[in-house]
Every structure is written in C-alpha cells, then in structure tokens.
Amino acid sequence: MKKLLEIFELLVMFTVLSSAAYAVEEVSVEETQQQTGEVLEEIQLEHPRLHFTHHYREADGTKKLHISTDESDKTLAEKIQEIYETEYNDTNVINPLLAKITTVKFDEGPLDNLHVWAAVQSHGTVDMPENSDTDTTYGVGLININIDGQFRGKKEDFRIMLDPTPQHNRGFMSQLLQDAYIATNRIPHHRILVGNSRPGVGYEGAQSPYTLPFINRSQISRTFANVRKAGIRVQGNYSLVDYDFGGYSSDTYFQDLFPGLEFDGWVNLKPLGKTDGKYGKLITGGGISAGKRYTDYFVSGAYVRYEYKRFATSFEWAHADGYNGAAGVSTKKASGFYTTVAYKITPKVQILARYDQFDPDTTVDHNNRREYTAGLNYFIKGQGMRVILNYVFCQNDNAEDSHRILLGTQFLI
C-alpha cells in the first residue's frame, strides 16, 4: 500500500510540476542562515490567525511558509526533484509547491521580490436526498491567482488576489478582484493593512480556504462571514494575546460605492503561549462585527481550540441580529455553533469529525439545520497537494434529510 501511495504521489507531482518549465528562477530571499532561523522561531510563536512576515503568512490569518536558499546554481530538474523529496508536516502552513521557481528577486527598483502562484480546488459530490434520485456532480470550486510582493527594505508588502472561478450568484467582475492591499510591519508585534481583505468575522470565517479542515465551511462561517471588504486593519500579536481590529466599508464584492461603515474586532487569549508547546496550544477568543448596510446588523461570537501533538479539537459559536456576510445582507436573527475533533494517524493522514447546528431564523420554531460530517485528509505535500474525502448527513427540521459524499483535491503551485 505504501508503495502504491508513493507511485501515486510521483504521478501527481510530475503532472503538476511539468507545466512549470517556463518559470523564472528565484534568488535568495533570506541572506543568512541566522535570519532564516529567526523567522522560523517567530512562526512558532505566532498564532495561525495573524500575518506578520509577508512571505510566511497569509493576510487573512494563516501561515504561509516560504524559506529560500540560493537556487541560482540548480537546474530546473534538480529543483523539481527537491520539491518532490521535501516533506511538509505542518498543515497549518500554506506551502506553494513552486515557490522556489516562481519567486524572483530584484537587484534594483522599489521591489525586493515578487512571487506569483495559484491555488486550484476541485471536488465531486454525490448528493443523495431522501426519497429522491442520486445526483452526481464534479467541477472546479476555486481558482485563485496570487501576486505577492515585498518592497525594498522588507518593511512593506502587498498582495493582489484574482478569482476567475465561475460563480452563479454574482457577476464575474464583482468577484474577480479579491485581495488588494498594501501592508506595513514597521511597528513591533503589529501589522497594518490598507485595502481589500477578508475581515476577521469569526475564527473560521476569517480562515484561508487553503487550510480549512473540511471541503465546506461551517454554517455560521459561510453565512455571517467569508467575504472581502475594503478598509484599514490592525493586527497585533504577542505570546499571550493576539487581536485583529478593522474599520471597513460595508460593501462586499464592489457592489456599492459606500453604503455604510462596519467595525470588526476579534481578540484571542493564549494561556499556554509561554510553555513552548509542552502542554499543547490553547486558544480562547471572541469578537463582534457591527455596521450598517441599508439596515443595522450585529454579530457576536466566541471560539475555543486546543491542540496537543496529533490531536486537535475546537468549538465556535455565533449569534447574529442581522448580518452582512457571504449569504448577503439580512435583518434576521440567526444563531449556530459547530464543534470538531481531529487526529493525525500519520503526518500525512488525518481523520476528523464535525457537528454543525444552525438556526437561520430564531423567531421561527423548529427551524434548525444540523450537519454531521466525517472526513479524511491525505496531505501528499502538506497543503500544497491534498486530497479530501467528506461524508455529510444533513438533518433539517422542516425539509427532507440528505446524504452527501464529497471528494476534493487542492493544488497550490
């Protein structure tokens, strides 16, 4: 079985990497081994929600690993072989597989370096509603083109994310430009972003799609959050606390010029932050999202997560008196929560389960929707190449129950 998995990995890696023969080479981003070691230590102290070192962390909160050495004397074949042989055991880290090939360093001009990379997610669904025929579909669920740049001096950086994924509920141009911001890291322990980004509404709602444990977000996250908004955002990170505060236009997907203001704030406490992981990692957090877009809205939430070695569990709750998320603007009172349990059998194989309950209108009786999800993640090359299998049982108080099997793939290249 192990031999078959190795053969499978080799075939997939060859298919993905062979398309990169035209890419430019990268010159060292970190000039000394001492500098690289300092960044690695900083990553271990940071919480995955926040972004401090641009080449190592996503702006919406998830770490992005990018460690460079001098590659100038290596052939393309040698670089591809090195990528194939590299093991990625930290699945909280985003690791574009071709970073060493598609990052270029400039000797002159305002830019220090530029990294262009892409993310592609696809999945097939077998939908089995009660008393209905089975429906099978397959398609591309997400295409992102990311342009990450760092200015001379490495104190400021920027990101542009384009999303040409076909959507049915919005126009192509409305969704095309996702992230578009410039950020500074000049203040110790802080990062300030100006532009369009994913606000910190809830914990999972602000999480990058590339590190989600399941194919779909929880019901509260995909209803109240998971949108981009333009504004000013301040992120802070210390060993025992981190925070994310921002003031935004309440517009989403460039639909309105300036319909109102929104404030999003989230604070995490890390009681075990100074124990160097000896007793695991514990995060307890909470926050609000409040604003006006044709109507007032207010969302509050709380989160707890504990990790110890290969085991992880989390719980998140949210309540809305109106909201302005991916589901659109609503005046409804809604509430829900989810809890997950995950365990890594090996560094590459993870099993997990989630219970997810949501009431889309608390003023109506017998209106709950419950989702029971069992999942399996196979990290071929960390998050850079992943296969996901989910089984979801949907139980509705006022509709037919259903079963779904979802098989997904993820490539960060």
Protein backbone atom coordinates (compact mmCIF):
# COMPACT_ATOMS: atom_id res chain seq x y z
CA MET A 1 0.00 0.00 0.00
CA LYS A 2 2.83 2.39 0.89
CA LYS A 3 4.48 1.73 -2.47
CA LEU A 4 1.23 2.47 -4.32
CA LEU A 5 0.88 5.79 -2.45
CA GLU A 6 4.45 6.73 -3.39
CA ILE A 7 3.75 5.93 -7.06
CA PHE A 8 0.53 7.97 -6.91
CA GLU A 9 2.36 10.94 -5.39
CA LEU A 10 5.05 10.76 -8.07
CA LEU A 11 2.50 10.73 -10.90
CA VAL A 12 0.56 13.71 -9.50
CA MET A 13 3.74 15.66 -8.78
CA PHE A 14 5.01 15.06 -12.33
CA THR A 15 1.71 16.28 -13.83
CA VAL A 16 1.68 19.49 -11.78
CA LEU A 17 5.35 20.33 -11.92
CA SER A 18 5.99 19.58 -15.57
CA SER A 19 3.92 22.63 -16.51
CA ALA A 20 6.41 24.92 -14.74
CA ALA A 21 9.34 24.51 -17.11
CA TYR A 22 8.99 28.06 -18.34
CA ALA A 23 9.04 29.71 -14.88
CA VAL A 24 11.77 32.09 -13.78
CA GLU A 25 14.36 31.20 -11.14
CA GLU A 26 14.45 32.59 -7.61
CA VAL A 27 17.34 34.30 -5.89
CA SER A 28 17.70 34.02 -2.10
CA VAL A 29 15.12 35.93 -0.05
CA GLU A 30 16.89 35.32 3.27
CA GLU A 31 20.54 36.30 3.07
CA THR A 32 21.89 34.34 6.05
CA GLN A 33 21.06 31.17 7.93
CA GLN A 34 20.75 33.23 11.11
CA GLN A 35 17.97 35.36 9.57
CA THR A 36 16.10 32.23 8.45
CA GLY A 37 16.35 30.74 11.94
CA GLU A 38 14.91 33.91 13.47
CA VAL A 39 11.89 33.81 11.17
CA LEU A 40 11.26 30.14 11.96
CA GLU A 41 11.28 30.93 15.68
CA GLU A 42 8.83 33.77 15.12
CA ILE A 43 6.44 31.47 13.25
CA GLN A 44 6.37 29.04 16.16
CA LEU A 45 5.31 31.87 18.47
CA GLU A 46 2.66 33.33 16.20
CA HIS A 47 -0.95 32.24 16.10
CA PRO A 48 -2.18 30.99 12.68
CA ARG A 49 -4.83 33.72 12.57
CA LEU A 50 -2.35 36.57 12.09
CA HIS A 51 0.05 37.61 9.35
CA PHE A 52 3.38 39.26 10.17
CA THR A 53 6.14 38.19 7.81
CA HIS A 54 4.61 38.53 4.35
CA HIS A 55 6.45 35.65 2.77
CA TYR A 56 5.44 33.40 5.64
CA ARG A 57 1.84 34.28 6.43
CA GLU A 58 -1.49 34.99 4.74
CA ALA A 59 -3.18 38.34 5.40
CA ASP A 60 -6.43 36.64 6.43
CA GLY A 61 -4.60 34.79 9.12
CA THR A 62 -2.98 31.55 8.04
CA LYS A 63 0.77 30.91 7.94
CA LYS A 64 2.45 30.64 4.57
CA LEU A 65 5.85 29.00 4.63
CA HIS A 66 8.46 30.44 2.27
CA ILE A 67 12.06 29.58 3.13
CA SER A 68 14.57 30.30 0.37
CA THR A 69 18.18 29.38 -0.20
CA ASP A 70 20.48 30.22 -3.08
CA GLU A 71 18.99 28.35 -6.04
CA SER A 72 20.97 30.02 -8.81
CA ASP A 73 23.24 27.05 -9.46
CA LYS A 74 20.47 24.43 -9.56
CA THR A 75 18.81 23.18 -12.72
CA LEU A 76 15.03 23.09 -13.07
CA ALA A 77 15.08 19.29 -12.84
CA GLU A 78 17.05 19.49 -9.57
CA LYS A 79 14.56 21.98 -8.13
CA ILE A 80 11.61 19.75 -9.06
CA GLN A 81 13.34 16.73 -7.53
CA GLU A 82 13.94 18.73 -4.33
CA ILE A 83 10.26 19.68 -4.18
CA TYR A 84 9.26 16.05 -4.58
CA GLU A 85 11.59 14.92 -1.79
CA THR A 86 10.57 17.65 0.68
CA GLU A 87 8.19 16.64 3.48
CA TYR A 88 5.63 19.16 4.78
CA ASN A 89 4.41 18.07 8.21
CA ASP A 90 2.89 21.36 9.44
CA THR A 91 -0.54 21.54 7.82
CA ASN A 92 -1.27 24.96 9.35
CA VAL A 93 1.26 26.27 6.83
CA ILE A 94 0.48 27.25 3.24
CA ASN A 95 3.25 25.91 1.02
CA PRO A 96 3.00 26.71 -2.71
CA LEU A 97 4.99 23.93 -4.31
CA LEU A 98 6.72 26.02 -6.94
CA ALA A 99 7.75 28.93 -4.68
CA LYS A 100 11.44 28.37 -5.36
CA ILE A 101 10.80 28.54 -9.09
CA THR A 102 8.19 31.27 -9.36
CA THR A 103 9.71 33.84 -6.97
CA VAL A 104 12.03 36.43 -8.47
CA LYS A 105 14.33 38.83 -6.57
CA PHE A 106 15.20 42.27 -7.94
CA ASP A 107 18.59 43.92 -7.53
CA GLU A 108 17.24 47.39 -8.32
CA GLY A 109 13.97 49.28 -8.15
CA PRO A 110 11.27 49.61 -5.48
CA LEU A 111 10.56 45.86 -5.23
CA ASP A 112 12.74 43.42 -3.37
CA ASN A 113 10.96 40.29 -4.61
CA LEU A 114 7.78 39.10 -6.31
CA HIS A 115 6.03 35.75 -6.02
CA VAL A 116 3.24 34.68 -8.39
CA TRP A 117 1.37 31.49 -7.54
CA ALA A 118 -2.01 29.84 -7.96
CA ALA A 119 -4.47 27.76 -5.94
CA VAL A 120 -6.89 25.30 -7.53
CA GLN A 121 -9.54 23.35 -5.64
CA SER A 122 -12.00 20.96 -7.25
CA HIS A 123 -14.48 18.47 -5.87
CA GLY A 124 -17.07 15.93 -6.86
CA THR A 125 -20.34 15.49 -4.98
CA VAL A 126 -22.68 12.53 -4.73
CA ASP A 127 -25.94 14.01 -3.38
CA MET A 128 -28.48 11.53 -2.01
CA PRO A 129 -31.66 13.30 -0.82
CA GLU A 130 -34.29 11.23 0.97
CA ASN A 131 -36.92 9.84 -1.42
CA SER A 132 -35.11 11.33 -4.45
CA ASP A 133 -32.73 10.27 -7.16
CA THR A 134 -29.00 10.44 -6.57
CA ASP A 135 -27.27 13.40 -8.22
CA THR A 136 -23.54 13.35 -9.04
CA THR A 137 -21.58 16.47 -9.98
CA TYR A 138 -17.93 17.43 -10.39
CA GLY A 139 -16.31 20.75 -11.01
CA VAL A 140 -13.71 23.35 -10.10
CA GLY A 141 -14.70 25.01 -6.84
CA LEU A 142 -11.95 27.61 -6.56
CA ILE A 143 -9.26 29.21 -8.73
CA ASN A 144 -7.06 31.90 -7.17
CA ILE A 145 -4.15 33.72 -8.79
CA ASN A 146 -1.98 35.35 -6.13
CA ILE A 147 0.63 38.07 -6.64
CA ASP A 148 2.71 38.68 -3.51
CA GLY A 149 5.31 41.43 -3.48
CA GLN A 150 7.75 42.81 -0.93
CA PHE A 151 9.20 46.31 -1.21
CA ARG A 152 12.83 47.25 -0.78
CA GLY A 153 13.73 47.11 2.89
CA LYS A 154 11.15 44.35 3.52
CA LYS A 155 9.04 46.53 5.84
CA GLU A 156 6.12 46.88 3.41
CA ASP A 157 4.45 44.38 1.15
CA PHE A 158 1.35 43.93 -0.98
CA ARG A 159 -0.97 41.28 -2.29
CA ILE A 160 -3.30 41.05 -5.28
CA MET A 161 -5.59 38.03 -5.50
CA LEU A 162 -7.68 37.35 -8.59
CA ASP A 163 -10.53 34.84 -8.55
CA PRO A 164 -11.75 33.78 -12.03
CA THR A 165 -13.77 30.89 -10.56
CA PRO A 166 -17.19 30.62 -12.27
CA GLN A 167 -19.95 31.74 -9.89
CA HIS A 168 -23.71 31.57 -10.29
CA ASN A 169 -24.81 34.14 -7.71
CA ARG A 170 -22.61 37.12 -8.72
CA GLY A 171 -21.13 38.64 -11.82
CA PHE A 172 -17.65 37.70 -12.99
CA MET A 173 -16.20 41.20 -12.48
CA SER A 174 -17.71 41.52 -8.99
CA GLN A 175 -15.74 38.57 -7.73
CA LEU A 176 -12.59 38.84 -9.86
CA LEU A 177 -10.61 41.14 -7.55
CA GLN A 178 -10.44 39.62 -4.05
CA ASP A 179 -7.42 40.70 -2.01
CA ALA A 180 -5.91 44.05 -2.98
CA TYR A 181 -3.96 45.62 -0.13
CA ILE A 182 -0.67 47.12 0.97
CA ALA A 183 0.69 46.42 4.46
CA THR A 184 3.43 47.63 6.78
CA ASN A 185 5.26 45.74 9.53
CA ARG A 186 7.25 48.68 10.94
CA ILE A 187 5.60 48.63 14.38
CA PRO A 188 6.91 45.72 16.51
CA HIS A 189 4.33 42.95 17.03
CA HIS A 190 1.91 44.72 14.67
CA ARG A 191 0.82 44.68 11.06
CA ILE A 192 -1.36 47.35 9.42
CA LEU A 193 -3.24 46.64 6.18
CA VAL A 194 -4.95 49.15 3.90
CA GLY A 195 -7.18 47.87 1.11
CA ASN A 196 -9.42 44.92 0.34
CA SER A 197 -9.06 41.79 2.50
CA ARG A 198 -11.06 39.13 4.34
CA PRO A 199 -12.20 40.75 7.66
CA GLY A 200 -11.86 38.93 10.97
CA VAL A 201 -15.53 37.99 11.39
CA GLY A 202 -15.42 34.85 13.49
CA TYR A 203 -12.47 32.49 13.63
CA GLU A 204 -13.19 30.05 10.82
CA GLY A 205 -14.89 32.81 8.84
CA ALA A 206 -11.55 34.62 8.56
CA GLN A 207 -9.54 31.47 7.81
CA SER A 208 -7.91 30.88 4.45
CA PRO A 209 -9.75 28.31 2.29
CA TYR A 210 -6.41 26.59 1.70
CA THR A 211 -6.19 25.33 5.31
CA LEU A 212 -9.84 24.52 6.03
CA PRO A 213 -10.10 21.01 7.53
CA PHE A 214 -13.27 20.18 5.53
CA ILE A 215 -14.33 20.99 1.98
CA ASN A 216 -17.13 23.30 3.21
CA ARG A 217 -17.04 25.91 5.94
CA SER A 218 -19.40 25.63 8.89
CA GLN A 219 -22.88 27.10 8.53
CA ILE A 220 -22.18 30.17 10.70
CA SER A 221 -18.97 30.90 8.77
CA ARG A 222 -20.50 30.64 5.31
CA THR A 223 -23.50 32.75 6.38
CA PHE A 224 -22.05 35.52 8.56
CA ALA A 225 -18.51 35.79 7.13
CA ASN A 226 -16.25 34.68 4.25
CA VAL A 227 -16.32 37.94 2.25
CA ARG A 228 -13.84 40.68 1.35
CA LYS A 229 -14.27 44.31 2.38
CA ALA A 230 -12.21 47.46 1.89
CA GLY A 231 -10.81 49.28 4.90
CA ILE A 232 -7.99 49.71 7.40
CA ARG A 233 -6.99 46.76 9.57
CA VAL A 234 -4.63 46.48 12.58
CA GLN A 235 -3.34 43.08 13.68
CA GLY A 236 -1.33 42.57 16.84
CA ASN A 237 0.45 39.51 18.13
CA TYR A 238 2.09 38.72 21.48
CA SER A 239 2.90 35.46 23.20
CA LEU A 240 -0.27 35.51 25.34
CA VAL A 241 -2.70 37.50 23.20
CA ASP A 242 -3.40 38.43 19.60
CA TYR A 243 -6.03 40.71 18.09
CA ASP A 244 -7.50 41.86 14.81
CA PHE A 245 -9.39 45.18 14.58
CA GLY A 246 -10.63 46.86 11.44
CA GLY A 247 -12.86 49.61 10.10
CA TYR A 248 -14.38 48.85 6.68
CA SER A 249 -16.88 49.92 4.09
CA SER A 250 -19.89 47.62 4.50
CA ASP A 251 -19.87 46.95 0.75
CA THR A 252 -18.95 43.45 -0.45
CA TYR A 253 -17.67 42.42 -3.90
CA PHE A 254 -17.67 46.05 -5.16
CA GLN A 255 -21.45 46.21 -5.46
CA ASP A 256 -21.95 49.64 -3.82
CA LEU A 257 -19.72 52.70 -3.56
CA PHE A 258 -20.01 53.25 0.20
CA PRO A 259 -23.28 52.01 1.74
CA GLY A 260 -22.10 52.37 5.34
CA LEU A 261 -19.41 51.64 7.90
CA GLU A 262 -18.52 48.36 9.62
CA PHE A 263 -16.31 47.54 12.61
CA ASP A 264 -14.86 44.05 13.07
CA GLY A 265 -12.90 43.13 16.16
CA TRP A 266 -11.54 39.83 17.48
CA VAL A 267 -9.27 39.03 20.45
CA ASN A 268 -7.59 35.70 21.26
CA LEU A 269 -6.06 34.75 24.60
CA LYS A 270 -3.30 32.12 24.59
CA PRO A 271 -2.87 30.88 28.20
CA LEU A 272 -0.20 28.34 27.21
CA GLY A 273 1.70 30.74 24.98
CA LYS A 274 4.84 30.75 27.14
CA THR A 275 5.06 26.97 27.68
CA ASP A 276 6.69 26.24 24.29
CA GLY A 277 4.00 23.68 23.42
CA LYS A 278 4.81 21.41 26.37
CA TYR A 279 1.14 21.23 27.36
CA GLY A 280 -0.23 21.83 23.89
CA LYS A 281 -1.75 25.02 22.46
CA LEU A 282 -4.91 26.58 23.89
CA ILE A 283 -6.76 29.48 22.26
CA THR A 284 -9.85 31.19 23.67
CA GLY A 285 -11.26 34.11 21.73
CA GLY A 286 -14.24 36.24 20.89
CA GLY A 287 -15.34 39.23 18.89
CA ILE A 288 -18.03 41.25 17.15
CA SER A 289 -18.96 42.56 13.72
CA ALA A 290 -21.24 45.60 13.68
CA GLY A 291 -22.26 48.01 10.97
CA LYS A 292 -24.90 49.44 8.65
CA ARG A 293 -25.72 48.50 5.08
CA TYR A 294 -29.27 49.62 4.36
CA THR A 295 -30.00 48.20 7.83
CA ASP A 296 -28.12 47.80 11.11
CA TYR A 297 -26.54 44.44 11.89
CA PHE A 298 -24.57 42.94 14.77
CA VAL A 299 -22.79 39.58 15.00
CA SER A 300 -21.04 38.25 18.10
CA GLY A 301 -19.02 35.07 18.50
CA ALA A 302 -16.71 33.00 20.70
CA TYR A 303 -14.11 30.34 19.97
CA VAL A 304 -12.05 27.70 21.82
CA ARG A 305 -9.34 25.48 20.35
CA TYR A 306 -6.92 23.03 21.91
CA GLU A 307 -4.11 21.16 20.16
CA TYR A 308 -1.80 18.55 21.62
CA LYS A 309 0.62 16.68 19.38
CA ARG A 310 -1.56 14.94 16.74
CA PHE A 311 -4.90 15.72 18.43
CA ALA A 312 -6.98 18.88 17.94
CA THR A 313 -10.48 19.96 18.94
CA SER A 314 -12.36 23.23 18.56
CA PHE A 315 -15.72 24.88 19.26
CA GLU A 316 -17.18 28.07 17.81
CA TRP A 317 -20.50 29.82 18.48
CA ALA A 318 -22.04 32.88 16.82
CA HIS A 319 -25.27 34.85 17.11
CA ALA A 320 -26.50 37.50 14.66
CA ASP A 321 -29.04 40.27 14.99
CA GLY A 322 -28.79 40.90 11.27
CA TYR A 323 -25.60 40.15 9.30
CA ASN A 324 -23.60 41.13 6.22
CA GLY A 325 -21.68 38.07 5.09
CA ALA A 326 -21.40 35.68 2.17
CA ALA A 327 -25.14 34.98 2.38
CA GLY A 328 -25.82 38.69 1.77
CA VAL A 329 -27.41 41.36 3.94
CA SER A 330 -30.16 40.17 6.27
CA THR A 331 -32.22 41.51 9.15
CA LYS A 332 -32.88 38.02 10.53
CA LYS A 333 -31.83 36.87 13.97
CA ALA A 334 -29.76 33.74 13.49
CA SER A 335 -27.58 31.56 15.69
CA GLY A 336 -25.42 28.47 15.46
CA PHE A 337 -22.35 26.58 16.57
CA TYR A 338 -20.04 23.79 15.48
CA THR A 339 -17.52 21.52 17.17
CA THR A 340 -14.74 19.49 15.56
CA VAL A 341 -12.38 16.71 16.60
CA ALA A 342 -9.33 15.73 14.54
CA TYR A 343 -6.48 13.27 14.86
CA LYS A 344 -3.47 12.65 12.64
CA ILE A 345 -2.90 8.91 12.25
CA THR A 346 0.34 9.76 10.45
CA PRO A 347 1.84 13.13 9.45
CA LYS A 348 0.06 12.71 6.09
CA VAL A 349 -3.27 11.11 7.09
CA GLN A 350 -5.84 12.88 9.27
CA ILE A 351 -9.30 11.73 10.37
CA LEU A 352 -11.82 14.23 11.68
CA ALA A 353 -15.48 14.80 12.51
CA ARG A 354 -17.75 17.83 12.93
CA TYR A 355 -21.17 18.50 14.39
CA ASP A 356 -22.67 21.72 12.99
CA GLN A 357 -26.02 23.22 14.06
CA PHE A 358 -27.60 26.39 12.68
CA ASP A 359 -30.89 28.23 13.17
CA PRO A 360 -31.33 30.66 10.24
CA ASP A 361 -34.26 32.46 11.93
CA THR A 362 -34.60 32.21 15.70
CA THR A 363 -38.08 33.78 15.58
CA VAL A 364 -39.41 30.64 13.85
CA ASP A 365 -39.88 27.38 15.76
CA HIS A 366 -38.49 24.07 14.54
CA ASN A 367 -36.15 25.67 12.04
CA ASN A 368 -32.76 24.11 12.86
CA ARG A 369 -30.38 22.61 10.33
CA ARG A 370 -27.82 20.07 11.51
CA GLU A 371 -24.85 18.69 9.59
CA TYR A 372 -22.85 15.66 10.72
CA THR A 373 -19.54 15.41 8.83
CA ALA A 374 -16.88 12.70 8.85
CA GLY A 375 -13.70 13.46 6.96
CA LEU A 376 -10.33 12.20 5.82
CA ASN A 377 -7.41 14.37 4.69
CA TYR A 378 -4.42 12.97 2.82
CA PHE A 379 -1.63 15.55 2.72
CA ILE A 380 0.51 14.42 -0.21
CA LYS A 381 2.68 17.53 0.04
CA GLY A 382 1.22 19.40 3.00
CA GLN A 383 -1.45 21.87 1.94
CA GLY A 384 0.37 22.22 -1.37
CA MET A 385 -1.16 18.98 -2.60
CA ARG A 386 -4.06 17.49 -0.66
CA VAL A 387 -6.89 15.00 -1.20
CA ILE A 388 -10.06 15.43 0.90
CA LEU A 389 -12.92 12.98 1.46
CA ASN A 390 -16.07 14.06 3.35
CA TYR A 391 -19.34 12.36 4.19
CA VAL A 392 -22.11 14.76 5.26
CA PHE A 393 -25.50 13.87 6.72
CA CYS A 394 -27.87 16.87 6.64
CA GLN A 395 -30.82 16.86 9.03
CA ASN A 396 -33.47 19.58 8.66
CA ASP A 397 -36.44 20.31 10.90
CA ASN A 398 -38.61 21.50 8.01
CA ALA A 399 -37.14 19.72 4.96
CA GLU A 400 -36.09 16.29 3.77
CA ASP A 401 -32.84 14.91 5.17
CA SER A 402 -29.98 14.21 2.77
CA HIS A 403 -26.62 12.49 2.47
CA ARG A 404 -23.60 13.74 0.54
CA ILE A 405 -20.22 12.30 -0.31
CA LEU A 406 -17.60 14.87 -1.37
CA LEU A 407 -14.18 14.14 -2.84
CA GLY A 408 -11.89 17.15 -3.26
CA THR A 409 -8.37 17.99 -4.38
CA GLN A 410 -6.18 21.02 -3.68
CA PHE A 411 -3.08 22.23 -5.51
CA LEU A 412 -1.02 25.28 -4.50
CA ILE A 413 1.52 25.86 -7.26
